């Protein structure tokens, strides 16, 4: 990228919990981000529903006279009562087809660490054995991405760990819970998980967008070191309500993010629970 030219990037799913925080924290230097919404809610945004075809995207690019360098696809259906997770594959198919039609060469496709099922230090080559419908739906999304990658579109599926502020623990804090119930295991410790703060995530996405050379087909996305859920709760100002862990509970569910760390230089603070909570609270206050 020459001189002061800024890379144009489209971010879909900007109205979601993760999307809102990533847009807020996106670095303002080398990348110019256009946020996508399905209705007109923000100045300068792209109003586009991929299910209706690529027309709005193509017309936008025609108006500005240039194609997006990359797309960060965060759009999708998340778990919740009455939500149809099977729609995720159709959303991915429509979005990737539109990216190809629009000449967008690189797509970062949001998947989830839920595709693995429980395990410790899970690398990208670990077998996938999801234990819930969301993980299974994200595996279908990845299959859609692979099909488009085989056709020449550079698709990198991001198996995202817990994003601080979009996770169940901090959402409960945001709802006003003063004490968080956590399982306590035989060694006296609680759950350990792979997390990333929203600003740290935005910076990692920027690095992947700008990376020269091909990206892997799959990347884990989390901070280099996992954090305890107790530390996150305390950093958010909540007390801990301990309970004995049931036999079905898993103490450590963590990702190996060495492949990502070779492409993006994290700061030590990116793995700190206090910093993760600070990033969430900053975006929440905006």
Protein backbone atom coordinates (compact mmCIF):
# COMPACT_ATOMS: atom_id res chain seq x y z
CA UNK A 1 0.00 0.00 0.00
CA UNK A 2 1.75 3.12 -1.23
CA UNK A 3 2.10 6.47 0.52
CA UNK A 4 -0.86 7.59 2.61
CA UNK A 5 -3.42 5.53 0.71
CA UNK A 6 -5.84 3.83 3.09
CA UNK A 7 -7.15 0.35 2.39
CA UNK A 8 -10.93 0.26 1.95
CA UNK A 9 -12.54 -2.51 3.98
CA UNK A 10 -16.17 -3.53 4.31
CA UNK A 11 -17.31 -4.84 7.69
CA UNK A 12 -20.63 -6.70 7.66
CA UNK A 13 -22.67 -7.29 10.78
CA UNK A 14 -21.84 -3.88 12.27
CA UNK A 15 -25.07 -3.86 14.27
CA UNK A 16 -24.19 -7.00 16.25
CA UNK A 17 -22.57 -7.01 19.67
CA UNK A 18 -19.10 -7.81 18.33
CA UNK A 19 -19.54 -5.66 15.22
CA UNK A 20 -20.43 -2.53 17.20
CA UNK A 21 -17.39 -2.88 19.45
CA UNK A 22 -15.01 -3.64 16.58
CA UNK A 23 -16.23 -0.62 14.59
CA UNK A 24 -15.73 1.59 17.66
CA UNK A 25 -12.20 0.33 18.28
CA UNK A 26 -11.00 -0.03 14.68
CA UNK A 27 -7.62 1.75 14.25
CA UNK A 28 -8.04 5.00 12.32
CA UNK A 29 -4.71 4.91 10.47
CA UNK A 30 -4.15 2.55 7.56
CA UNK A 31 -7.66 1.24 6.93
CA UNK A 32 -10.88 3.03 6.02
CA UNK A 33 -13.78 0.91 7.26
CA UNK A 34 -17.26 1.02 5.79
CA UNK A 35 -19.84 -0.54 8.10
CA UNK A 36 -22.74 -2.53 6.64
CA UNK A 37 -26.25 -2.40 8.04
CA UNK A 38 -29.52 -3.74 6.69
CA UNK A 39 -31.18 -0.37 7.27
CA UNK A 40 -30.01 3.25 7.26
CA UNK A 41 -28.71 3.89 10.79
CA UNK A 42 -25.33 5.58 10.36
CA UNK A 43 -23.83 8.19 8.06
CA UNK A 44 -21.40 6.76 5.54
CA UNK A 45 -22.57 3.19 6.07
CA UNK A 46 -23.52 0.72 3.37
CA UNK A 47 -27.19 -0.21 3.57
CA UNK A 48 -27.27 -3.73 2.20
CA UNK A 49 -28.99 -7.02 2.92
CA UNK A 50 -26.93 -9.82 1.31
CA UNK A 51 -30.05 -11.98 1.11
CA UNK A 52 -31.39 -9.54 -1.50
CA UNK A 53 -28.38 -10.02 -3.77
CA UNK A 54 -25.22 -7.98 -4.46
CA UNK A 55 -26.85 -4.98 -6.18
CA UNK A 56 -26.48 -2.48 -3.31
CA UNK A 57 -22.84 -3.47 -2.82
CA UNK A 58 -22.06 -3.15 -6.53
CA UNK A 59 -23.80 0.21 -6.75
CA UNK A 60 -21.85 1.49 -3.75
CA UNK A 61 -18.54 0.51 -5.30
CA UNK A 62 -19.58 2.13 -8.58
CA UNK A 63 -20.32 5.40 -6.75
CA UNK A 64 -16.97 5.50 -4.97
CA UNK A 65 -15.09 4.24 -8.03
CA UNK A 66 -13.10 1.50 -6.31
CA UNK A 67 -13.52 -2.00 -4.94
CA UNK A 68 -13.04 -2.87 -1.31
CA UNK A 69 -9.65 -4.40 -0.60
CA UNK A 70 -11.18 -6.87 1.85
CA UNK A 71 -14.35 -7.82 3.68
CA UNK A 72 -14.62 -8.69 7.35
CA UNK A 73 -17.76 -10.79 7.65
CA UNK A 74 -19.11 -10.66 11.20
CA UNK A 75 -22.78 -10.96 10.18
CA UNK A 76 -24.66 -14.02 11.35
CA UNK A 77 -27.21 -15.49 13.72
CA UNK A 78 -26.02 -15.97 17.30
CA UNK A 79 -27.51 -18.36 19.86
CA UNK A 80 -30.77 -17.32 21.47
CA UNK A 81 -34.33 -18.46 22.03
CA UNK A 82 -36.14 -18.93 18.75
CA UNK A 83 -33.16 -18.08 16.56
CA UNK A 84 -32.57 -20.17 13.45
CA UNK A 85 -28.84 -20.92 13.46
CA UNK A 86 -29.14 -22.77 10.16
CA UNK A 87 -29.51 -19.38 8.46
CA UNK A 88 -25.80 -18.77 8.99
CA UNK A 89 -24.88 -20.90 5.99
CA UNK A 90 -27.26 -19.02 3.69
CA UNK A 91 -25.95 -15.67 4.95
CA UNK A 92 -22.38 -16.80 4.29
CA UNK A 93 -23.22 -18.07 0.81
CA UNK A 94 -24.97 -14.84 -0.21
CA UNK A 95 -22.21 -12.66 1.24
CA UNK A 96 -19.35 -14.59 -0.33
CA UNK A 97 -21.07 -14.66 -3.72
CA UNK A 98 -21.49 -10.89 -3.50
CA UNK A 99 -17.82 -10.46 -2.54
CA UNK A 100 -16.76 -12.45 -5.59
CA UNK A 101 -19.12 -10.46 -7.86
CA UNK A 102 -17.75 -7.21 -6.44
CA UNK A 103 -14.10 -8.18 -6.95
CA UNK A 104 -13.25 -8.23 -3.25
CA UNK A 105 -10.18 -10.41 -3.11
CA UNK A 106 -10.02 -11.28 0.61
CA UNK A 107 -12.76 -12.24 3.07
CA UNK A 108 -12.24 -12.79 6.79
CA UNK A 109 -15.13 -15.08 7.67
CA UNK A 110 -16.29 -15.19 11.29
CA UNK A 111 -16.42 -18.73 12.60
CA UNK A 112 -16.15 -19.77 16.24
CA UNK A 113 -13.98 -21.83 18.56
CA UNK A 114 -17.23 -23.70 19.25
CA UNK A 115 -16.46 -25.82 16.17
CA UNK A 116 -13.86 -27.73 18.22
CA UNK A 117 -15.85 -28.70 21.24
CA UNK A 118 -14.06 -28.72 24.61
CA UNK A 119 -10.29 -29.07 24.77
CA UNK A 120 -7.05 -27.38 25.80
CA UNK A 121 -4.50 -25.65 23.55
CA UNK A 122 -6.63 -26.39 20.50
CA UNK A 123 -4.74 -25.63 17.32
CA UNK A 124 -6.24 -25.19 13.88
CA UNK A 125 -5.42 -28.78 12.97
CA UNK A 126 -7.32 -30.21 15.94
CA UNK A 127 -10.39 -32.29 15.04
CA UNK A 128 -13.71 -30.48 15.09
CA UNK A 129 -16.39 -32.05 17.29
CA UNK A 130 -18.91 -29.35 18.21
CA UNK A 131 -21.18 -30.13 21.13
CA UNK A 132 -23.87 -27.54 20.36
CA UNK A 133 -25.93 -26.30 17.42
CA UNK A 134 -23.96 -23.07 17.15
CA UNK A 135 -20.67 -24.91 16.66
CA UNK A 136 -22.27 -27.19 14.07
CA UNK A 137 -23.73 -24.18 12.23
CA UNK A 138 -20.33 -22.49 12.14
CA UNK A 139 -18.78 -25.65 10.68
CA UNK A 140 -21.31 -25.35 7.86
CA UNK A 141 -20.26 -21.72 7.38
CA UNK A 142 -16.64 -22.84 7.11
CA UNK A 143 -17.62 -25.43 4.49
CA UNK A 144 -19.23 -22.65 2.46
CA UNK A 145 -16.04 -20.63 2.78
CA UNK A 146 -13.90 -23.55 1.61
CA UNK A 147 -16.06 -23.95 -1.49
CA UNK A 148 -15.52 -20.32 -2.41
CA UNK A 149 -11.81 -20.54 -1.61
CA UNK A 150 -11.60 -23.46 -4.06
CA UNK A 151 -13.07 -21.11 -6.68
CA UNK A 152 -10.32 -18.54 -6.14
CA UNK A 153 -11.73 -16.21 -3.48
CA UNK A 154 -9.29 -15.87 -0.58
CA UNK A 155 -11.41 -16.86 2.42
CA UNK A 156 -9.87 -17.13 5.88
CA UNK A 157 -12.18 -18.62 8.51
CA UNK A 158 -11.58 -17.08 11.92
CA UNK A 159 -12.31 -19.41 14.83
CA UNK A 160 -12.99 -16.70 17.36
CA UNK A 161 -12.73 -17.32 21.08
CA UNK A 162 -14.72 -15.37 23.66
CA UNK A 163 -14.93 -11.65 22.88
CA UNK A 164 -15.02 -9.56 26.05
CA UNK A 165 -18.38 -7.82 26.20
CA UNK A 166 -20.14 -10.26 23.88
CA UNK A 167 -19.74 -13.21 26.26
CA UNK A 168 -22.23 -14.53 28.79
CA UNK A 169 -20.17 -13.51 31.84
CA UNK A 170 -19.82 -9.81 31.01
CA UNK A 171 -23.32 -9.61 29.56
CA UNK A 172 -24.58 -10.73 32.98
CA UNK A 173 -22.50 -7.99 34.59
CA UNK A 174 -23.96 -5.48 32.13
CA UNK A 175 -27.45 -6.57 33.16
CA UNK A 176 -26.64 -5.56 36.72
CA UNK A 177 -25.62 -8.84 38.35
CA UNK A 178 -23.35 -8.04 41.30
CA UNK A 179 -22.19 -11.64 41.83
CA UNK A 180 -21.28 -14.19 39.17
CA UNK A 181 -21.66 -17.91 39.82
CA UNK A 182 -18.55 -19.84 38.80
CA UNK A 183 -17.70 -23.53 38.96
CA UNK A 184 -14.83 -24.44 41.29
CA UNK A 185 -12.88 -27.56 40.42
CA UNK A 186 -10.93 -30.08 42.50
CA UNK A 187 -7.72 -27.99 42.42
CA UNK A 188 -9.57 -24.98 43.84
CA UNK A 189 -9.48 -23.10 40.55
CA UNK A 190 -12.26 -21.95 38.26
CA UNK A 191 -12.78 -21.92 34.48
CA UNK A 192 -9.95 -20.84 32.18
CA UNK A 193 -10.88 -19.60 28.72
CA UNK A 194 -9.42 -17.99 25.61
CA UNK A 195 -10.65 -14.40 25.33
CA UNK A 196 -9.86 -11.27 23.36
CA UNK A 197 -10.79 -7.64 23.99
CA UNK A 198 -12.65 -5.79 21.24
CA UNK A 199 -9.83 -3.34 20.54
CA UNK A 200 -7.30 -6.15 20.41
CA UNK A 201 -9.61 -7.97 18.01
CA UNK A 202 -9.95 -4.91 15.77
CA UNK A 203 -6.18 -4.53 15.63
CA UNK A 204 -5.71 -8.20 14.76
CA UNK A 205 -8.32 -7.90 12.00
CA UNK A 206 -6.53 -4.86 10.62
CA UNK A 207 -3.26 -6.81 10.50
CA UNK A 208 -4.93 -9.67 8.63
CA UNK A 209 -6.59 -7.31 6.17
CA UNK A 210 -3.26 -5.68 5.37
CA UNK A 211 -1.11 -8.81 5.42
CA UNK A 212 0.92 -9.17 2.24
CA UNK A 213 0.69 -12.68 0.88
CA UNK A 214 -1.95 -15.37 1.30
CA UNK A 215 -3.61 -16.07 4.62
CA UNK A 216 -4.23 -19.57 6.00
CA UNK A 217 -7.61 -21.10 5.32
CA UNK A 218 -8.27 -21.20 9.09
CA UNK A 219 -7.02 -19.09 11.99
CA UNK A 220 -7.78 -19.14 15.70
CA UNK A 221 -8.51 -15.63 16.98
CA UNK A 222 -7.94 -14.88 20.65
CA UNK A 223 -5.32 -13.22 22.82
CA UNK A 224 -2.09 -15.24 23.17
CA UNK A 225 -2.76 -16.31 26.76
CA UNK A 226 -6.07 -17.45 28.29
CA UNK A 227 -7.62 -15.75 31.32
CA UNK A 228 -9.60 -17.00 34.29
CA UNK A 229 -13.26 -16.10 34.33
CA UNK A 230 -12.86 -15.11 37.96
CA UNK A 231 -10.30 -12.47 36.99
CA UNK A 232 -12.66 -11.09 34.34
CA UNK A 233 -15.56 -10.93 36.77
CA UNK A 234 -13.48 -9.12 39.38
CA UNK A 235 -12.10 -6.70 36.77
CA UNK A 236 -15.70 -5.86 35.89
CA UNK A 237 -16.51 -5.18 39.55
CA UNK A 238 -18.47 -8.36 40.24
CA UNK A 239 -18.10 -10.71 43.18
CA UNK A 240 -17.67 -14.46 42.76
CA UNK A 241 -20.34 -16.90 43.93
CA UNK A 242 -18.51 -20.27 43.95
CA UNK A 243 -20.18 -23.63 43.44
CA UNK A 244 -18.74 -27.14 43.08
CA UNK A 245 -18.16 -27.94 39.42
CA UNK A 246 -20.41 -30.71 38.09
CA UNK A 247 -18.77 -33.73 36.51
CA UNK A 248 -19.75 -32.50 33.03
CA UNK A 249 -17.98 -29.13 33.41
CA UNK A 250 -14.66 -28.37 31.70
CA UNK A 251 -12.12 -26.28 33.56
CA UNK A 252 -9.85 -25.39 30.64
CA UNK A 253 -11.11 -24.65 27.14
CA UNK A 254 -8.32 -22.80 25.38
CA UNK A 255 -6.92 -22.07 21.93
CA UNK A 256 -3.41 -22.25 20.54
CA UNK A 257 -3.01 -18.92 18.72
CA UNK A 258 0.60 -19.30 17.58
CA UNK A 259 -0.43 -19.16 13.92
CA UNK A 260 -2.12 -15.79 14.48
CA UNK A 261 0.79 -14.48 16.56
CA UNK A 262 3.08 -15.06 13.55
CA UNK A 263 0.91 -12.64 11.56
CA UNK A 264 0.09 -10.04 14.20
CA UNK A 265 2.17 -8.71 17.08
CA UNK A 266 0.10 -8.63 20.26
CA UNK A 267 0.97 -6.46 23.24
CA UNK A 268 1.39 -8.10 26.68
CA UNK A 269 -1.68 -6.19 27.93
CA UNK A 270 -3.85 -7.86 25.27
CA UNK A 271 -3.94 -10.99 27.46
CA UNK A 272 -4.78 -9.08 30.64
CA UNK A 273 -8.30 -9.36 32.04
CA UNK A 274 -8.34 -5.75 33.29
CA UNK A 275 -7.44 -4.46 29.83
CA UNK A 276 -10.06 -6.66 28.18
CA UNK A 277 -12.75 -5.28 30.48
CA UNK A 278 -11.51 -1.71 29.91
CA UNK A 279 -11.84 -2.14 26.16
CA UNK A 280 -15.38 -3.49 26.57
CA UNK A 281 -16.41 -0.68 28.90
CA UNK A 282 -15.02 1.97 26.56
CA UNK A 283 -17.05 0.63 23.64
CA UNK A 284 -20.11 0.25 25.86
CA UNK A 285 -19.93 3.88 26.96
CA UNK A 286 -19.67 5.20 23.39
